[in-house]
Amino acid sequence: MAKEDKVILTCTECLSRNYSTKRNKRAAGERLELMKFCKKCGRHTLHKETK
């Protein structure tokens, strides 16, 4: 069974924590970065994984 951990994605522009998801820690070594819609900014921005 794969080891999955819950991660939180934070907007890089307004620093609001908008999304939470799961990811496989063994398969991916780097932090997750996705283009997601930020409700506070009102547009698509880069969201990065936080600790």
PDB file of N, CA and C in Angstrom:
ATOM      1  N   MET A   1       0.841  -1.181   0.000  1.00  0.00           N
ATOM      2  CA  MET A   1       0.000   0.000   0.000  1.00  0.00           C
ATOM      3  C   MET A   1       0.886   1.245   0.000  1.00  0.00           C
ATOM      4  N   ALA A   2       0.514   2.223  -0.791  1.00  0.00           N
ATOM      5  CA  ALA A   2       1.291   3.449  -0.920  1.00  0.00           C
ATOM      6  C   ALA A   2       1.081   4.350   0.292  1.00  0.00           C
ATOM      7  N   LYS A   3       2.132   5.035   0.668  1.00  0.00           N
ATOM      8  CA  LYS A   3       2.082   5.972   1.791  1.00  0.00           C
ATOM      9  C   LYS A   3       1.616   7.327   1.269  1.00  0.00           C
ATOM     10  N   GLU A   4       0.407   7.744   1.650  1.00  0.00           N
ATOM     11  CA  GLU A   4      -0.130   9.032   1.239  1.00  0.00           C
ATOM     12  C   GLU A   4      -0.272   9.943   2.448  1.00  0.00           C
ATOM     13  N   ASP A   5       0.100  11.186   2.265  1.00  0.00           N
ATOM     14  CA  ASP A   5      -0.022  12.183   3.326  1.00  0.00           C
ATOM     15  C   ASP A   5      -0.873  13.342   2.836  1.00  0.00           C
ATOM     16  N   LYS A   6      -1.580  13.956   3.752  1.00  0.00           N
ATOM     17  CA  LYS A   6      -2.400  15.126   3.432  1.00  0.00           C
ATOM     18  C   LYS A   6      -1.494  16.345   3.352  1.00  0.00           C
ATOM     19  N   VAL A   7      -1.659  17.135   2.286  1.00  0.00           N
ATOM     20  CA  VAL A   7      -0.887  18.359   2.116  1.00  0.00           C
ATOM     21  C   VAL A   7      -1.848  19.523   1.887  1.00  0.00           C
ATOM     22  N   ILE A   8      -1.401  20.724   2.230  1.00  0.00           N
ATOM     23  CA  ILE A   8      -2.197  21.935   2.064  1.00  0.00           C
ATOM     24  C   ILE A   8      -1.513  22.801   1.021  1.00  0.00           C
ATOM     25  N   LEU A   9      -2.306  23.341   0.080  1.00  0.00           N
ATOM     26  CA  LEU A   9      -1.775  24.216  -0.966  1.00  0.00           C
ATOM     27  C   LEU A   9      -2.083  25.667  -0.623  1.00  0.00           C
ATOM     28  N   THR A  10      -1.065  26.518  -0.731  1.00  0.00           N
ATOM     29  CA  THR A  10      -1.181  27.935  -0.397  1.00  0.00           C
ATOM     30  C   THR A  10      -0.928  28.784  -1.631  1.00  0.00           C
ATOM     31  N   CYS A  11      -1.743  29.806  -1.817  1.00  0.00           N
ATOM     32  CA  CYS A  11      -1.576  30.745  -2.928  1.00  0.00           C
ATOM     33  C   CYS A  11      -0.281  31.536  -2.721  1.00  0.00           C
ATOM     34  N   THR A  12       0.502  31.681  -3.793  1.00  0.00           N
ATOM     35  CA  THR A  12       1.776  32.397  -3.677  1.00  0.00           C
ATOM     36  C   THR A  12       1.597  33.912  -3.657  1.00  0.00           C
ATOM     37  N   GLU A  13       0.443  34.415  -4.085  1.00  0.00           N
ATOM     38  CA  GLU A  13       0.238  35.865  -4.146  1.00  0.00           C
ATOM     39  C   GLU A  13      -0.430  36.425  -2.889  1.00  0.00           C
ATOM     40  N   CYS A  14      -1.533  35.804  -2.442  1.00  0.00           N
ATOM     41  CA  CYS A  14      -2.239  36.346  -1.272  1.00  0.00           C
ATOM     42  C   CYS A  14      -2.003  35.511  -0.015  1.00  0.00           C
ATOM     43  N   LEU A  15      -1.299  34.389  -0.136  1.00  0.00           N
ATOM     44  CA  LEU A  15      -0.918  33.490   0.967  1.00  0.00           C
ATOM     45  C   LEU A  15      -2.111  32.871   1.700  1.00  0.00           C
ATOM     46  N   SER A  16      -3.255  32.754   1.029  1.00  0.00           N
ATOM     47  CA  SER A  16      -4.393  32.080   1.646  1.00  0.00           C
ATOM     48  C   SER A  16      -4.299  30.585   1.372  1.00  0.00           C
ATOM     49  N   ARG A  17      -4.680  29.799   2.356  1.00  0.00           N
ATOM     50  CA  ARG A  17      -4.627  28.339   2.241  1.00  0.00           C
ATOM     51  C   ARG A  17      -5.965  27.856   1.714  1.00  0.00           C
ATOM     52  N   ASN A  18      -6.021  27.547   0.413  1.00  0.00           N
ATOM     53  CA  ASN A  18      -7.272  27.266  -0.262  1.00  0.00           C
ATOM     54  C   ASN A  18      -7.597  25.792  -0.416  1.00  0.00           C
ATOM     55  N   TYR A  19      -6.610  24.969  -0.707  1.00  0.00           N
ATOM     56  CA  TYR A  19      -6.863  23.590  -1.099  1.00  0.00           C
ATOM     57  C   TYR A  19      -6.106  22.613  -0.211  1.00  0.00           C
ATOM     58  N   SER A  20      -6.679  21.422  -0.050  1.00  0.00           N
ATOM     59  CA  SER A  20      -5.976  20.319   0.591  1.00  0.00           C
ATOM     60  C   SER A  20      -6.134  19.100  -0.299  1.00  0.00           C
ATOM     61  N   THR A  21      -5.090  18.290  -0.365  1.00  0.00           N
ATOM     62  CA  THR A  21      -5.086  17.110  -1.214  1.00  0.00           C
ATOM     63  C   THR A  21      -4.163  16.064  -0.604  1.00  0.00           C
ATOM     64  N   LYS A  22      -4.087  14.909  -1.231  1.00  0.00           N
ATOM     65  CA  LYS A  22      -3.178  13.850  -0.803  1.00  0.00           C
ATOM     66  C   LYS A  22      -2.133  13.652  -1.881  1.00  0.00           C
ATOM     67  N   ARG A  23      -0.935  13.245  -1.468  1.00  0.00           N
ATOM     68  CA  ARG A  23       0.101  12.912  -2.433  1.00  0.00           C
ATOM     69  C   ARG A  23       0.992  11.821  -1.868  1.00  0.00           C
ATOM     70  N   ASN A  24       1.610  11.083  -2.769  1.00  0.00           N
ATOM     71  CA  ASN A  24       2.486   9.988  -2.396  1.00  0.00           C
ATOM     72  C   ASN A  24       3.868  10.551  -2.088  1.00  0.00           C
ATOM     73  N   LYS A  25       4.293  10.461  -0.833  1.00  0.00           N
ATOM     74  CA  LYS A  25       5.569  11.026  -0.411  1.00  0.00           C
ATOM     75  C   LYS A  25       6.756  10.231  -0.962  1.00  0.00           C
ATOM     76  N   ARG A  26       6.587   8.932  -1.173  1.00  0.00           N
ATOM     77  CA  ARG A  26       7.692   8.106  -1.663  1.00  0.00           C
ATOM     78  C   ARG A  26       7.989   8.372  -3.130  1.00  0.00           C
ATOM     79  N   ALA A  27       6.973   8.564  -3.948  1.00  0.00           N
ATOM     80  CA  ALA A  27       7.155   8.733  -5.390  1.00  0.00           C
ATOM     81  C   ALA A  27       7.669  10.121  -5.753  1.00  0.00           C
ATOM     82  N   ALA A  28       7.229  11.155  -5.048  1.00  0.00           N
ATOM     83  CA  ALA A  28       7.612  12.535  -5.372  1.00  0.00           C
ATOM     84  C   ALA A  28       8.486  13.100  -4.263  1.00  0.00           C
ATOM     85  N   GLY A  29       9.681  13.562  -4.631  1.00  0.00           N
ATOM     86  CA  GLY A  29      10.599  14.100  -3.637  1.00  0.00           C
ATOM     87  C   GLY A  29      10.424  15.587  -3.404  1.00  0.00           C
ATOM     88  N   GLU A  30      10.014  16.312  -4.432  1.00  0.00           N
ATOM     89  CA  GLU A  30       9.893  17.762  -4.313  1.00  0.00           C
ATOM     90  C   GLU A  30       8.493  18.158  -3.871  1.00  0.00           C
ATOM     91  N   ARG A  31       8.363  19.419  -3.512  1.00  0.00           N
ATOM     92  CA  ARG A  31       7.048  19.930  -3.101  1.00  0.00           C
ATOM     93  C   ARG A  31       6.144  20.127  -4.306  1.00  0.00           C
ATOM     94  N   LEU A  32       4.859  19.970  -4.076  1.00  0.00           N
ATOM     95  CA  LEU A  32       3.863  20.063  -5.126  1.00  0.00           C
ATOM     96  C   LEU A  32       3.586  21.519  -5.480  1.00  0.00           C
ATOM     97  N   GLU A  33       3.524  21.834  -6.785  1.00  0.00           N
ATOM     98  CA  GLU A  33       3.180  23.170  -7.275  1.00  0.00           C
ATOM     99  C   GLU A  33       2.147  23.021  -8.382  1.00  0.00           C
ATOM    100  N   LEU A  34       0.988  23.658  -8.227  1.00  0.00           N
ATOM    101  CA  LEU A  34      -0.092  23.567  -9.200  1.00  0.00           C
ATOM    102  C   LEU A  34      -0.683  24.937  -9.470  1.00  0.00           C
ATOM    103  N   MET A  35      -1.183  25.120 -10.682  1.00  0.00           N
ATOM    104  CA  MET A  35      -1.948  26.320 -11.019  1.00  0.00           C
ATOM    105  C   MET A  35      -3.402  26.042 -10.646  1.00  0.00           C
ATOM    106  N   LYS A  36      -3.922  26.764  -9.650  1.00  0.00           N
ATOM    107  CA  LYS A  36      -5.284  26.563  -9.172  1.00  0.00           C
ATOM    108  C   LYS A  36      -5.988  27.921  -9.105  1.00  0.00           C
ATOM    109  N   PHE A  37      -7.324  27.878  -9.070  1.00  0.00           N
ATOM    110  CA  PHE A  37      -8.107  29.108  -8.947  1.00  0.00           C
ATOM    111  C   PHE A  37      -8.147  29.533  -7.491  1.00  0.00           C
ATOM    112  N   CYS A  38      -7.750  30.766  -7.234  1.00  0.00           N
ATOM    113  CA  CYS A  38      -7.789  31.337  -5.887  1.00  0.00           C
ATOM    114  C   CYS A  38      -9.064  32.161  -5.754  1.00  0.00           C
ATOM    115  N   LYS A  39      -9.896  31.815  -4.801  1.00  0.00           N
ATOM    116  CA  LYS A  39     -11.159  32.525  -4.601  1.00  0.00           C
ATOM    117  C   LYS A  39     -10.935  33.941  -4.086  1.00  0.00           C
ATOM    118  N   LYS A  40      -9.892  34.147  -3.320  1.00  0.00           N
ATOM    119  CA  LYS A  40      -9.614  35.468  -2.761  1.00  0.00           C
ATOM    120  C   LYS A  40      -9.062  36.419  -3.826  1.00  0.00           C
ATOM    121  N   CYS A  41      -8.148  35.922  -4.686  1.00  0.00           N
ATOM    122  CA  CYS A  41      -7.575  36.737  -5.770  1.00  0.00           C
ATOM    123  C   CYS A  41      -8.535  36.857  -6.945  1.00  0.00           C
ATOM    124  N   GLY A  42      -9.348  35.839  -7.172  1.00  0.00           N
ATOM    125  CA  GLY A  42     -10.299  35.855  -8.275  1.00  0.00           C
ATOM    126  C   GLY A  42      -9.710  35.446  -9.609  1.00  0.00           C
ATOM    127  N   ARG A  43      -8.571  34.723  -9.592  1.00  0.00           N
ATOM    128  CA  ARG A  43      -7.935  34.267 -10.830  1.00  0.00           C
ATOM    129  C   ARG A  43      -7.056  33.053 -10.550  1.00  0.00           C
ATOM    130  N   HIS A  44      -6.521  32.466 -11.614  1.00  0.00           N
ATOM    131  CA  HIS A  44      -5.636  31.322 -11.476  1.00  0.00           C
ATOM    132  C   HIS A  44      -4.245  31.796 -11.063  1.00  0.00           C
ATOM    133  N   THR A  45      -3.733  31.211  -9.988  1.00  0.00           N
ATOM    134  CA  THR A  45      -2.397  31.556  -9.503  1.00  0.00           C
ATOM    135  C   THR A  45      -1.671  30.273  -9.148  1.00  0.00           C
ATOM    136  N   LEU A  46      -0.371  30.390  -8.924  1.00  0.00           N
ATOM    137  CA  LEU A  46       0.441  29.249  -8.532  1.00  0.00           C
ATOM    138  C   LEU A  46       0.196  28.951  -7.054  1.00  0.00           C
ATOM    139  N   HIS A  47      -0.088  27.692  -6.751  1.00  0.00           N
ATOM    140  CA  HIS A  47      -0.276  27.247  -5.377  1.00  0.00           C
ATOM    141  C   HIS A  47       0.826  26.256  -5.045  1.00  0.00           C
ATOM    142  N   LYS A  48       1.472  26.443  -3.902  1.00  0.00           N
ATOM    143  CA  LYS A  48       2.568  25.577  -3.491  1.00  0.00           C
ATOM    144  C   LYS A  48       2.192  24.824  -2.215  1.00  0.00           C
ATOM    145  N   GLU A  49       2.811  23.667  -2.064  1.00  0.00           N
ATOM    146  CA  GLU A  49       2.591  22.841  -0.873  1.00  0.00           C
ATOM    147  C   GLU A  49       3.254  23.481   0.338  1.00  0.00           C
ATOM    148  N   THR A  50       2.563  23.470   1.468  1.00  0.00           N
ATOM    149  CA  THR A  50       3.121  23.984   2.721  1.00  0.00           C
ATOM    150  C   THR A  50       3.480  22.830   3.626  1.00  0.00           C
ATOM    151  N   LYS A  51       4.148  23.124   4.714  1.00  0.00           N
ATOM    152  CA  LYS A  51       4.532  22.090   5.668  1.00  0.00           C
ATOM    153  C   LYS A  51       3.347  21.575   6.440  1.00  0.00           C
TER     154      LYS A  51
END
